[in-house]
Amino acid sequence: MLGCRAVVTVALVLVLLGSTGSPHERGSLMFAAAAPQLVAKGLEAPPVYVIGAMKAGTSALCELLRTHPHIHGGLHVDDEPFHYTKELHYFDNDQRFENGLSFYEAHFENTLPHGSVNLDCTPRYLAKPETPIRISDTYPNDRLRFAAVLREPTDRALSHYRHAMAHSPNHNGDHWTVRMLRKTFEARVHKAIDDWEACAARHLGEDELWAKCSSLDTFNSLVTRGLYDFQIEWWHRNFSPSDFCFVTTDAMRRNTTEVLLRVADFFGVDNSDTSWATIPPGGHSNSDTELTPDPETIERLRQFYKRHGTHTYSTIEQQHGGFLGC
């Protein structure tokens, strides 16, 4: 799979050194038709986003960022389920996106104190191919900033499946956590790897490889959400590398306060009072949910990520102390 490795190398160069050309000129055509009628005219965008990754500590980061006096999270709207207050899922959800821009902006404060910003925190944004195209098309002239937490991909996949194990008893049979468990972790992993490699071989060298191969099966996201290099390169087609702050899960574990202050500084809010950032991280952990995967499956998964998707993560963690861009 030399072609995939070449894409990974390009992604790493883009992350570390920046890319050339106008970001908007590099956008994909696959999703372009979905958004033009929603382009904002004179409306202020929520300028800061936390976009992922799922099961990397994103929820904890968002919860703590919302304690900053100048960072405002989403508002509850009408009869929506309250989980949409925590994660808006506008640009990654076709049905919600079709509700239009006024629906989206109703989730934010209309009048903010000077120096304050609205925050859209939706961990699925990073991995959904349509998201950066839709955001770029909706707010073409705004300077937006994106923060993402990256976790070692194999550990992320294990946590993803443990999440399903821990939460499936609380849902009916149509919920993704219940359906995920209809096959074992091992079966999900092997199918996802097989599907990805077959698809990548078919679309080798194509610009749309990530969009075409990332969503073959909903449950393949167990694996594909750890392919950070492809995801970041895809986002860089629509936004400049300077618009992104990456931190690792291990950096959050080592020094949560440093992560919070760096991200808040990157978002451009006043950090003269740092007392807000001394709050210890909280949130639910699925680490105690019993899952003992087959060692051969884990080794195959680690080798898969080594070939296709961990260069950026490894560089940020090992060479930059867990931070890049902030």
C-alpha atoms as a PDB file:
ATOM      1  CA  MET A   1       0.000   0.000   0.000  1.00  0.00           C
ATOM      2  CA  LEU A   2       2.679   2.501  -1.015  1.00  0.00           C
ATOM      3  CA  GLY A   3       0.000   4.950  -2.148  1.00  0.00           C
ATOM      4  CA  CYS A   4      -1.526   5.100   1.320  1.00  0.00           C
ATOM      5  CA  ARG A   5       1.892   5.633   2.839  1.00  0.00           C
ATOM      6  CA  ALA A   6       2.490   8.486   0.421  1.00  0.00           C
ATOM      7  CA  VAL A   7      -0.738  10.142   1.551  1.00  0.00           C
ATOM      8  CA  VAL A   8       0.322   9.693   5.174  1.00  0.00           C
ATOM      9  CA  THR A   9       3.663  11.332   4.433  1.00  0.00           C
ATOM     10  CA  VAL A  10       1.951  14.269   2.714  1.00  0.00           C
ATOM     11  CA  ALA A  11      -0.389  14.621   5.702  1.00  0.00           C
ATOM     12  CA  LEU A  12       2.513  14.754   8.124  1.00  0.00           C
ATOM     13  CA  VAL A  13       4.278  17.409   6.065  1.00  0.00           C
ATOM     14  CA  LEU A  14       1.072  19.447   5.951  1.00  0.00           C
ATOM     15  CA  VAL A  15       0.658  19.249   9.715  1.00  0.00           C
ATOM     16  CA  LEU A  16       4.207  20.199  10.602  1.00  0.00           C
ATOM     17  CA  LEU A  17       5.128  22.664   7.863  1.00  0.00           C
ATOM     18  CA  GLY A  18       1.831  23.978   6.511  1.00  0.00           C
ATOM     19  CA  SER A  19       0.427  23.601   3.023  1.00  0.00           C
ATOM     20  CA  THR A  20       0.419  25.686  -0.114  1.00  0.00           C
ATOM     21  CA  GLY A  21      -2.451  27.185  -2.033  1.00  0.00           C
ATOM     22  CA  SER A  22      -5.780  28.534  -0.868  1.00  0.00           C
ATOM     23  CA  PRO A  23      -7.530  26.110   1.500  1.00  0.00           C
ATOM     24  CA  HIS A  24     -10.889  26.793  -0.128  1.00  0.00           C
ATOM     25  CA  GLU A  25      -9.477  25.873  -3.538  1.00  0.00           C
ATOM     26  CA  ARG A  26      -8.583  22.430  -2.207  1.00  0.00           C
ATOM     27  CA  GLY A  27     -12.100  21.519  -0.968  1.00  0.00           C
ATOM     28  CA  SER A  28     -13.811  18.347  -2.101  1.00  0.00           C
ATOM     29  CA  LEU A  29     -16.635  18.379  -4.641  1.00  0.00           C
ATOM     30  CA  MET A  30     -18.346  15.343  -3.089  1.00  0.00           C
ATOM     31  CA  PHE A  31     -20.305  17.346  -0.526  1.00  0.00           C
ATOM     32  CA  ALA A  32     -20.197  20.803  -2.091  1.00  0.00           C
ATOM     33  CA  ALA A  33     -23.791  20.752  -3.338  1.00  0.00           C
ATOM     34  CA  ALA A  34     -25.207  20.327   0.163  1.00  0.00           C
ATOM     35  CA  ALA A  35     -24.365  23.732   1.597  1.00  0.00           C
ATOM     36  CA  PRO A  36     -24.501  26.804  -0.674  1.00  0.00           C
ATOM     37  CA  GLN A  37     -27.996  27.856   0.394  1.00  0.00           C
ATOM     38  CA  LEU A  38     -26.755  28.030   3.998  1.00  0.00           C
ATOM     39  CA  VAL A  39     -23.750  30.310   3.458  1.00  0.00           C
ATOM     40  CA  ALA A  40     -23.755  32.975   6.160  1.00  0.00           C
ATOM     41  CA  LYS A  41     -24.155  36.583   5.058  1.00  0.00           C
ATOM     42  CA  GLY A  42     -23.132  39.026   7.762  1.00  0.00           C
ATOM     43  CA  LEU A  43     -23.701  36.522  10.569  1.00  0.00           C
ATOM     44  CA  GLU A  44     -21.017  35.779  13.115  1.00  0.00           C
ATOM     45  CA  ALA A  45     -19.757  32.202  13.229  1.00  0.00           C
ATOM     46  CA  PRO A  46     -19.022  30.343  16.427  1.00  0.00           C
ATOM     47  CA  PRO A  47     -15.277  30.858  15.975  1.00  0.00           C
ATOM     48  CA  VAL A  48     -13.951  27.938  18.015  1.00  0.00           C
ATOM     49  CA  TYR A  49     -14.537  24.214  17.688  1.00  0.00           C
ATOM     50  CA  VAL A  50     -13.404  21.038  19.424  1.00  0.00           C
ATOM     51  CA  ILE A  51     -13.692  18.441  16.675  1.00  0.00           C
ATOM     52  CA  GLY A  52     -12.482  15.130  18.118  1.00  0.00           C
ATOM     53  CA  ALA A  53     -11.383  12.514  18.407  1.00  0.00           C
ATOM     54  CA  MET A  54     -14.081  10.319  19.949  1.00  0.00           C
ATOM     55  CA  LYS A  55     -12.878   8.469  23.085  1.00  0.00           C
ATOM     56  CA  ALA A  56      -9.728  10.585  23.315  1.00  0.00           C
ATOM     57  CA  GLY A  57     -10.744  12.816  26.224  1.00  0.00           C
ATOM     58  CA  THR A  58     -12.663  15.328  24.121  1.00  0.00           C
ATOM     59  CA  SER A  59     -15.701  15.401  26.419  1.00  0.00           C
ATOM     60  CA  ALA A  60     -13.520  16.123  29.443  1.00  0.00           C
ATOM     61  CA  LEU A  61     -11.713  18.890  27.552  1.00  0.00           C
ATOM     62  CA  CYS A  62     -14.983  20.500  26.503  1.00  0.00           C
ATOM     63  CA  GLU A  63     -16.512  20.238  29.952  1.00  0.00           C
ATOM     64  CA  LEU A  64     -13.525  22.021  31.451  1.00  0.00           C
ATOM     65  CA  LEU A  65     -13.237  24.645  28.709  1.00  0.00           C
ATOM     66  CA  ARG A  66     -16.855  25.608  29.385  1.00  0.00           C
ATOM     67  CA  THR A  67     -15.831  26.653  32.919  1.00  0.00           C
ATOM     68  CA  HIS A  68     -13.773  29.463  31.378  1.00  0.00           C
ATOM     69  CA  PRO A  69     -15.669  32.726  31.928  1.00  0.00           C
ATOM     70  CA  HIS A  70     -15.253  33.695  28.256  1.00  0.00           C
ATOM     71  CA  ILE A  71     -16.048  30.368  26.554  1.00  0.00           C
ATOM     72  CA  HIS A  72     -19.729  29.595  26.043  1.00  0.00           C
ATOM     73  CA  GLY A  73     -21.061  26.183  25.038  1.00  0.00           C
ATOM     74  CA  GLY A  74     -24.254  25.294  23.239  1.00  0.00           C
ATOM     75  CA  LEU A  75     -27.717  26.291  24.441  1.00  0.00           C
ATOM     76  CA  HIS A  76     -30.681  23.966  24.789  1.00  0.00           C
ATOM     77  CA  VAL A  77     -33.172  24.561  21.965  1.00  0.00           C
ATOM     78  CA  ASP A  78     -36.882  23.722  22.064  1.00  0.00           C
ATOM     79  CA  ASP A  79     -37.584  20.036  22.658  1.00  0.00           C
ATOM     80  CA  GLU A  80     -34.210  18.687  21.545  1.00  0.00           C
ATOM     81  CA  PRO A  81     -32.671  15.884  23.598  1.00  0.00           C
ATOM     82  CA  PHE A  82     -30.276  17.449  26.082  1.00  0.00           C
ATOM     83  CA  HIS A  83     -27.275  15.581  24.664  1.00  0.00           C
ATOM     84  CA  TYR A  84     -27.373  18.038  21.747  1.00  0.00           C
ATOM     85  CA  THR A  85     -26.471  20.762  24.227  1.00  0.00           C
ATOM     86  CA  LYS A  86     -23.230  18.918  24.925  1.00  0.00           C
ATOM     87  CA  GLU A  87     -22.514  17.957  21.288  1.00  0.00           C
ATOM     88  CA  LEU A  88     -24.312  19.944  18.587  1.00  0.00           C
ATOM     89  CA  HIS A  89     -23.863  17.481  15.680  1.00  0.00           C
ATOM     90  CA  TYR A  90     -24.890  20.048  13.093  1.00  0.00           C
ATOM     91  CA  PHE A  91     -22.269  19.753  10.359  1.00  0.00           C
ATOM     92  CA  ASP A  92     -21.969  15.955  10.611  1.00  0.00           C
ATOM     93  CA  ASN A  93     -25.682  15.107  10.740  1.00  0.00           C
ATOM     94  CA  ASP A  94     -27.627  15.395   7.469  1.00  0.00           C
ATOM     95  CA  GLN A  95     -31.017  15.850   9.115  1.00  0.00           C
ATOM     96  CA  ARG A  96     -29.834  18.571  11.505  1.00  0.00           C
ATOM     97  CA  PHE A  97     -27.814  20.297   8.781  1.00  0.00           C
ATOM     98  CA  GLU A  98     -30.905  20.488   6.578  1.00  0.00           C
ATOM     99  CA  ASN A  99     -32.622  22.516   9.329  1.00  0.00           C
ATOM    100  CA  GLY A 100     -30.512  25.451   8.198  1.00  0.00           C
ATOM    101  CA  LEU A 101     -28.185  28.043   9.624  1.00  0.00           C
ATOM    102  CA  SER A 102     -30.754  29.820  11.796  1.00  0.00           C
ATOM    103  CA  PHE A 103     -31.369  26.507  13.585  1.00  0.00           C
ATOM    104  CA  TYR A 104     -27.641  26.083  14.206  1.00  0.00           C
ATOM    105  CA  GLU A 105     -27.029  29.630  15.410  1.00  0.00           C
ATOM    106  CA  ALA A 106     -29.993  29.406  17.781  1.00  0.00           C
ATOM    107  CA  HIS A 107     -27.718  27.171  19.888  1.00  0.00           C
ATOM    108  CA  PHE A 108     -25.392  30.092  20.693  1.00  0.00           C
ATOM    109  CA  GLU A 109     -25.492  33.290  22.691  1.00  0.00           C
ATOM    110  CA  ASN A 110     -26.507  36.195  20.456  1.00  0.00           C
ATOM    111  CA  THR A 111     -24.831  38.855  22.575  1.00  0.00           C
ATOM    112  CA  LEU A 112     -21.535  37.936  24.182  1.00  0.00           C
ATOM    113  CA  PRO A 113     -19.392  40.024  26.519  1.00  0.00           C
ATOM    114  CA  HIS A 114     -16.322  41.525  24.867  1.00  0.00           C
ATOM    115  CA  GLY A 115     -13.602  38.924  24.404  1.00  0.00           C
ATOM    116  CA  SER A 116     -15.945  35.943  24.728  1.00  0.00           C
ATOM    117  CA  VAL A 117     -16.499  33.185  22.163  1.00  0.00           C
ATOM    118  CA  ASN A 118     -19.054  30.503  21.379  1.00  0.00           C
ATOM    119  CA  LEU A 119     -17.821  26.896  21.293  1.00  0.00           C
ATOM    120  CA  ASP A 120     -19.132  24.024  19.170  1.00  0.00           C
ATOM    121  CA  CYS A 121     -17.872  20.795  20.692  1.00  0.00           C
ATOM    122  CA  THR A 122     -18.683  17.751  18.535  1.00  0.00           C
ATOM    123  CA  PRO A 123     -16.088  14.932  18.641  1.00  0.00           C
ATOM    124  CA  ARG A 124     -17.391  13.264  15.484  1.00  0.00           C
ATOM    125  CA  TYR A 125     -16.515  16.251  13.296  1.00  0.00           C
ATOM    126  CA  LEU A 126     -12.882  15.195  12.827  1.00  0.00           C
ATOM    127  CA  ALA A 127     -13.706  11.877  11.160  1.00  0.00           C
ATOM    128  CA  LYS A 128     -16.722  12.886   9.046  1.00  0.00           C
ATOM    129  CA  PRO A 129     -15.628  13.834   5.509  1.00  0.00           C
ATOM    130  CA  GLU A 130     -18.511  16.238   4.915  1.00  0.00           C
ATOM    131  CA  THR A 131     -17.859  18.345   8.018  1.00  0.00           C
ATOM    132  CA  PRO A 132     -14.936  20.578   6.943  1.00  0.00           C
ATOM    133  CA  ILE A 133     -16.511  21.208   3.535  1.00  0.00           C
ATOM    134  CA  ARG A 134     -19.799  22.250   5.134  1.00  0.00           C
ATOM    135  CA  ILE A 135     -18.143  24.507   7.715  1.00  0.00           C
ATOM    136  CA  SER A 136     -15.952  26.140   5.067  1.00  0.00           C
ATOM    137  CA  ASP A 137     -18.900  26.679   2.721  1.00  0.00           C
ATOM    138  CA  THR A 138     -21.062  28.066   5.515  1.00  0.00           C
ATOM    139  CA  TYR A 139     -18.457  30.488   6.898  1.00  0.00           C
ATOM    140  CA  PRO A 140     -16.141  31.164   3.955  1.00  0.00           C
ATOM    141  CA  ASN A 141     -14.706  34.461   5.201  1.00  0.00           C
ATOM    142  CA  ASP A 142     -14.310  33.803   8.921  1.00  0.00           C
ATOM    143  CA  ARG A 143     -11.149  32.886  10.793  1.00  0.00           C
ATOM    144  CA  LEU A 144     -12.125  29.743  12.671  1.00  0.00           C
ATOM    145  CA  ARG A 145     -10.040  27.740  15.132  1.00  0.00           C
ATOM    146  CA  PHE A 146     -10.160  24.014  15.720  1.00  0.00           C
ATOM    147  CA  ALA A 147      -8.808  21.964  18.618  1.00  0.00           C
ATOM    148  CA  ALA A 148      -8.529  18.180  18.572  1.00  0.00           C
ATOM    149  CA  VAL A 149      -7.396  15.565  21.065  1.00  0.00           C
ATOM    150  CA  LEU A 150      -5.627  12.532  19.600  1.00  0.00           C
ATOM    151  CA  ARG A 151      -5.271   9.237  21.465  1.00  0.00           C
ATOM    152  CA  GLU A 152      -3.034   6.290  20.640  1.00  0.00           C
ATOM    153  CA  PRO A 153      -5.250   4.666  17.979  1.00  0.00           C
ATOM    154  CA  THR A 154      -5.357   1.105  19.302  1.00  0.00           C
ATOM    155  CA  ASP A 155      -6.224   2.319  22.794  1.00  0.00           C
ATOM    156  CA  ARG A 156      -8.881   4.552  21.240  1.00  0.00           C
ATOM    157  CA  ALA A 157     -10.462   1.585  19.431  1.00  0.00           C
ATOM    158  CA  LEU A 158     -10.546  -0.460  22.631  1.00  0.00           C
ATOM    159  CA  SER A 159     -12.181   2.415  24.494  1.00  0.00           C
ATOM    160  CA  HIS A 160     -14.700   2.815  21.662  1.00  0.00           C
ATOM    161  CA  TYR A 161     -15.835  -0.799  22.027  1.00  0.00           C
ATOM    162  CA  ARG A 162     -15.796  -0.594  25.837  1.00  0.00           C
ATOM    163  CA  HIS A 163     -18.042   2.451  25.554  1.00  0.00           C
ATOM    164  CA  ALA A 164     -20.565   0.323  23.655  1.00  0.00           C
ATOM    165  CA  MET A 165     -20.323  -2.410  26.297  1.00  0.00           C
ATOM    166  CA  ALA A 166     -20.845   0.045  29.151  1.00  0.00           C
ATOM    167  CA  HIS A 167     -23.746   1.978  27.593  1.00  0.00           C
ATOM    168  CA  SER A 168     -25.681  -0.610  25.572  1.00  0.00           C
ATOM    169  CA  PRO A 169     -27.826  -1.713  28.580  1.00  0.00           C
ATOM    170  CA  ASN A 170     -29.289   1.807  28.639  1.00  0.00           C
ATOM    171  CA  HIS A 171     -30.549   1.728  25.035  1.00  0.00           C
ATOM    172  CA  ASN A 172     -32.928  -0.136  22.786  1.00  0.00           C
ATOM    173  CA  GLY A 173     -31.927  -2.488  19.989  1.00  0.00           C
ATOM    174  CA  ASP A 174     -31.635   0.233  17.343  1.00  0.00           C
ATOM    175  CA  HIS A 175     -28.962   2.192  19.189  1.00  0.00           C
ATOM    176  CA  TRP A 176     -25.438   1.965  17.772  1.00  0.00           C
ATOM    177  CA  THR A 177     -24.010   0.647  21.049  1.00  0.00           C
ATOM    178  CA  VAL A 178     -26.371  -2.346  20.953  1.00  0.00           C
ATOM    179  CA  ARG A 179     -25.735  -3.046  17.278  1.00  0.00           C
ATOM    180  CA  MET A 180     -21.973  -2.727  17.729  1.00  0.00           C
ATOM    181  CA  LEU A 181     -22.015  -5.634  20.178  1.00  0.00           C
ATOM    182  CA  ARG A 182     -23.720  -7.996  17.747  1.00  0.00           C
ATOM    183  CA  LYS A 183     -20.196  -8.857  16.628  1.00  0.00           C
ATOM    184  CA  THR A 184     -17.113  -9.278  18.768  1.00  0.00           C
ATOM    185  CA  PHE A 185     -14.360  -6.704  18.973  1.00  0.00           C
ATOM    186  CA  GLU A 186     -12.150  -9.054  16.982  1.00  0.00           C
ATOM    187  CA  ALA A 187     -14.722  -9.494  14.210  1.00  0.00           C
ATOM    188  CA  ARG A 188     -15.302  -5.744  13.969  1.00  0.00           C
ATOM    189  CA  VAL A 189     -11.579  -5.027  13.747  1.00  0.00           C
ATOM    190  CA  HIS A 190     -10.808  -7.638  11.092  1.00  0.00           C
ATOM    191  CA  LYS A 191     -13.759  -6.569   8.924  1.00  0.00           C
ATOM    192  CA  ALA A 192     -12.842  -2.887   9.199  1.00  0.00           C
ATOM    193  CA  ILE A 193      -9.208  -3.516   8.239  1.00  0.00           C
ATOM    194  CA  ASP A 194     -10.183  -5.799   5.348  1.00  0.00           C
ATOM    195  CA  ASP A 195     -12.743  -3.276   4.063  1.00  0.00           C
ATOM    196  CA  TRP A 196     -10.326  -0.350   4.310  1.00  0.00           C
ATOM    197  CA  GLU A 197      -7.455  -2.090   2.557  1.00  0.00           C
ATOM    198  CA  ALA A 198      -9.689  -3.358  -0.246  1.00  0.00           C
ATOM    199  CA  CYS A 199     -11.191   0.101  -0.745  1.00  0.00           C
ATOM    200  CA  ALA A 200      -7.810   1.830  -0.567  1.00  0.00           C
ATOM    201  CA  ALA A 201      -6.485  -0.522  -3.223  1.00  0.00           C
ATOM    202  CA  ARG A 202      -9.404   0.349  -5.514  1.00  0.00           C
ATOM    203  CA  HIS A 203      -8.950   4.095  -5.047  1.00  0.00           C
ATOM    204  CA  LEU A 204      -5.171   4.197  -4.785  1.00  0.00           C
ATOM    205  CA  GLY A 205      -3.870   7.670  -5.598  1.00  0.00           C
ATOM    206  CA  GLU A 206      -7.314   9.287  -5.746  1.00  0.00           C
ATOM    207  CA  ASP A 207      -7.924  12.592  -3.974  1.00  0.00           C
ATOM    208  CA  GLU A 208     -11.212  11.351  -2.526  1.00  0.00           C
ATOM    209  CA  LEU A 209      -9.821   8.180  -0.923  1.00  0.00           C
ATOM    210  CA  TRP A 210     -10.711   9.217   2.642  1.00  0.00           C
ATOM    211  CA  ALA A 211     -14.264  10.197   1.727  1.00  0.00           C
ATOM    212  CA  LYS A 212     -14.831   7.021  -0.266  1.00  0.00           C
ATOM    213  CA  CYS A 213     -13.278   4.539   2.179  1.00  0.00           C
ATOM    214  CA  SER A 214     -14.028   5.944   5.638  1.00  0.00           C
ATOM    215  CA  SER A 215     -17.769   5.218   5.708  1.00  0.00           C
ATOM    216  CA  LEU A 216     -18.198   1.820   4.063  1.00  0.00           C
ATOM    217  CA  ASP A 217     -19.784   0.442   7.222  1.00  0.00           C
ATOM    218  CA  THR A 218     -20.907   2.453  10.255  1.00  0.00           C
ATOM    219  CA  PHE A 219     -19.139   0.052  12.592  1.00  0.00           C
ATOM    220  CA  ASN A 220     -15.844   0.296  10.704  1.00  0.00           C
ATOM    221  CA  SER A 221     -15.469   3.625  12.509  1.00  0.00           C
ATOM    222  CA  LEU A 222     -14.193   1.552  15.413  1.00  0.00           C
ATOM    223  CA  VAL A 223     -10.965   1.396  13.382  1.00  0.00           C
ATOM    224  CA  THR A 224     -11.128   4.231  10.853  1.00  0.00           C
ATOM    225  CA  ARG A 225     -11.518   6.949  13.489  1.00  0.00           C
ATOM    226  CA  GLY A 226      -7.923   6.221  14.452  1.00  0.00           C
ATOM    227  CA  LEU A 227      -6.621   7.075  10.955  1.00  0.00           C
ATOM    228  CA  TYR A 228      -5.722  10.595  12.027  1.00  0.00           C
ATOM    229  CA  ASP A 229      -3.331  11.345   9.173  1.00  0.00           C
ATOM    230  CA  PHE A 230      -6.042  10.953   6.553  1.00  0.00           C
ATOM    231  CA  GLN A 231      -8.506  12.995   8.591  1.00  0.00           C
ATOM    232  CA  ILE A 232      -6.109  15.886   9.193  1.00  0.00           C
ATOM    233  CA  GLU A 233      -5.003  16.010   5.571  1.00  0.00           C
ATOM    234  CA  TRP A 234      -8.672  16.138   4.570  1.00  0.00           C
ATOM    235  CA  TRP A 235      -9.348  19.086   6.903  1.00  0.00           C
ATOM    236  CA  HIS A 236      -6.300  20.903   5.560  1.00  0.00           C
ATOM    237  CA  ARG A 237      -7.925  20.989   2.142  1.00  0.00           C
ATOM    238  CA  ASN A 238     -10.382  23.523   3.561  1.00  0.00           C
ATOM    239  CA  PHE A 239      -8.501  25.233   6.393  1.00  0.00           C
ATOM    240  CA  SER A 240      -4.938  26.329   6.991  1.00  0.00           C
ATOM    241  CA  PRO A 241      -2.720  24.234   9.311  1.00  0.00           C
ATOM    242  CA  SER A 242      -2.385  27.352  11.485  1.00  0.00           C
ATOM    243  CA  ASP A 243      -6.105  27.037  12.298  1.00  0.00           C
ATOM    244  CA  PHE A 244      -5.515  23.849  14.317  1.00  0.00           C
ATOM    245  CA  CYS A 245      -4.355  22.950  17.803  1.00  0.00           C
ATOM    246  CA  PHE A 246      -3.605  19.282  18.478  1.00  0.00           C
ATOM    247  CA  VAL A 247      -3.045  17.787  21.908  1.00  0.00           C
ATOM    248  CA  THR A 248      -2.689  14.158  22.918  1.00  0.00           C
ATOM    249  CA  THR A 249      -4.635  12.266  25.530  1.00  0.00           C
ATOM    250  CA  ASP A 250      -1.374  11.585  27.361  1.00  0.00           C
ATOM    251  CA  ALA A 251      -0.667  15.326  27.515  1.00  0.00           C
ATOM    252  CA  MET A 252      -4.054  15.809  29.170  1.00  0.00           C
ATOM    253  CA  ARG A 253      -3.225  13.102  31.686  1.00  0.00           C
ATOM    254  CA  ARG A 254       0.183  14.580  32.437  1.00  0.00           C
ATOM    255  CA  ASN A 255      -0.940  18.164  32.933  1.00  0.00           C
ATOM    256  CA  THR A 256      -4.595  19.018  32.406  1.00  0.00           C
ATOM    257  CA  THR A 257      -4.073  22.635  33.450  1.00  0.00           C
ATOM    258  CA  GLU A 258      -1.400  23.203  30.808  1.00  0.00           C
ATOM    259  CA  VAL A 259      -3.671  21.760  28.116  1.00  0.00           C
ATOM    260  CA  LEU A 260      -6.583  23.996  29.152  1.00  0.00           C
ATOM    261  CA  LEU A 261      -4.464  27.151  29.188  1.00  0.00           C
ATOM    262  CA  ARG A 262      -2.839  26.364  25.841  1.00  0.00           C
ATOM    263  CA  VAL A 263      -6.158  25.650  24.148  1.00  0.00           C
ATOM    264  CA  ALA A 264      -7.800  28.748  25.645  1.00  0.00           C
ATOM    265  CA  ASP A 265      -4.849  30.878  24.489  1.00  0.00           C
ATOM    266  CA  PHE A 266      -5.179  29.351  21.025  1.00  0.00           C
ATOM    267  CA  PHE A 267      -8.877  30.260  21.037  1.00  0.00           C
ATOM    268  CA  GLY A 268      -7.871  33.861  21.777  1.00  0.00           C
ATOM    269  CA  VAL A 269      -9.666  34.372  25.082  1.00  0.00           C
ATOM    270  CA  ASP A 270      -8.293  36.258  28.074  1.00  0.00           C
ATOM    271  CA  ASN A 271      -6.319  33.983  30.373  1.00  0.00           C
ATOM    272  CA  SER A 272      -5.120  36.575  32.863  1.00  0.00           C
ATOM    273  CA  ASP A 273      -7.082  34.754  35.563  1.00  0.00           C
ATOM    274  CA  THR A 274      -6.008  31.103  35.449  1.00  0.00           C
ATOM    275  CA  SER A 275      -8.023  29.881  38.419  1.00  0.00           C
ATOM    276  CA  TRP A 276     -10.617  28.296  36.118  1.00  0.00           C
ATOM    277  CA  ALA A 277      -7.977  25.888  34.754  1.00  0.00           C
ATOM    278  CA  THR A 278      -7.127  24.306  38.115  1.00  0.00           C
ATOM    279  CA  ILE A 279     -10.244  22.126  38.048  1.00  0.00           C
ATOM    280  CA  PRO A 280      -9.295  18.418  38.028  1.00  0.00           C
ATOM    281  CA  PRO A 281     -10.578  16.419  35.050  1.00  0.00           C
ATOM    282  CA  GLY A 282     -13.761  14.459  35.575  1.00  0.00           C
ATOM    283  CA  GLY A 283     -16.108  12.381  33.489  1.00  0.00           C
ATOM    284  CA  HIS A 284     -17.041   8.744  33.198  1.00  0.00           C
ATOM    285  CA  SER A 285     -14.421   6.146  32.363  1.00  0.00           C
ATOM    286  CA  ASN A 286     -15.073   2.841  30.661  1.00  0.00           C
ATOM    287  CA  SER A 287     -11.627   1.461  31.553  1.00  0.00           C
ATOM    288  CA  ASP A 288     -13.117  -0.983  34.070  1.00  0.00           C
ATOM    289  CA  THR A 289     -15.423  -2.568  31.491  1.00  0.00           C
ATOM    290  CA  GLU A 290     -14.041  -6.048  30.923  1.00  0.00           C
ATOM    291  CA  LEU A 291     -12.635  -6.612  27.444  1.00  0.00           C
ATOM    292  CA  THR A 292      -9.794  -9.042  26.809  1.00  0.00           C
ATOM    293  CA  PRO A 293      -9.186  -9.051  23.064  1.00  0.00           C
ATOM    294  CA  ASP A 294      -7.236 -11.687  21.213  1.00  0.00           C
ATOM    295  CA  PRO A 295      -3.524 -10.660  21.151  1.00  0.00           C
ATOM    296  CA  GLU A 296      -3.250 -11.465  17.449  1.00  0.00           C
ATOM    297  CA  THR A 297      -6.091  -9.029  16.706  1.00  0.00           C
ATOM    298  CA  ILE A 298      -4.400  -6.307  18.730  1.00  0.00           C
ATOM    299  CA  GLU A 299      -1.115  -6.899  16.918  1.00  0.00           C
ATOM    300  CA  ARG A 300      -2.832  -6.728  13.528  1.00  0.00           C
ATOM    301  CA  LEU A 301      -4.530  -3.496  14.552  1.00  0.00           C
ATOM    302  CA  ARG A 302      -1.260  -1.950  15.759  1.00  0.00           C
ATOM    303  CA  GLN A 303       0.500  -2.897  12.526  1.00  0.00           C
ATOM    304  CA  PHE A 304      -2.384  -1.513  10.480  1.00  0.00           C
ATOM    305  CA  TYR A 305      -2.130   1.843  12.241  1.00  0.00           C
ATOM    306  CA  LYS A 306       1.649   1.811  11.937  1.00  0.00           C
ATOM    307  CA  ARG A 307       1.264   1.505   8.153  1.00  0.00           C
ATOM    308  CA  HIS A 308      -1.603   3.916   7.676  1.00  0.00           C
ATOM    309  CA  GLY A 309      -2.381   6.377  10.409  1.00  0.00           C
ATOM    310  CA  THR A 310      -0.068   7.102  13.358  1.00  0.00           C
ATOM    311  CA  HIS A 311       2.740   9.295  12.019  1.00  0.00           C
ATOM    312  CA  THR A 312       1.080  12.535  13.080  1.00  0.00           C
ATOM    313  CA  TYR A 313       0.065  11.246  16.491  1.00  0.00           C
ATOM    314  CA  SER A 314       3.532   9.803  17.181  1.00  0.00           C
ATOM    315  CA  THR A 315       5.258  12.991  16.082  1.00  0.00           C
ATOM    316  CA  ILE A 316       3.072  15.183  18.291  1.00  0.00           C
ATOM    317  CA  GLU A 317       3.474  12.948  21.337  1.00  0.00           C
ATOM    318  CA  GLN A 318       7.118  11.938  20.997  1.00  0.00           C
ATOM    319  CA  GLN A 319       8.721  14.996  19.405  1.00  0.00           C
ATOM    320  CA  HIS A 320       6.498  17.884  20.515  1.00  0.00           C
ATOM    321  CA  GLY A 321       5.554  16.891  24.057  1.00  0.00           C
ATOM    322  CA  GLY A 322       1.911  16.268  23.209  1.00  0.00           C
ATOM    323  CA  PHE A 323       1.144  19.646  21.588  1.00  0.00           C
ATOM    324  CA  LEU A 324       1.158  21.024  18.054  1.00  0.00           C
ATOM    325  CA  GLY A 325      -0.095  24.432  17.025  1.00  0.00           C
ATOM    326  CA  CYS A 326      -0.807  25.653  20.553  1.00  0.00           C
END
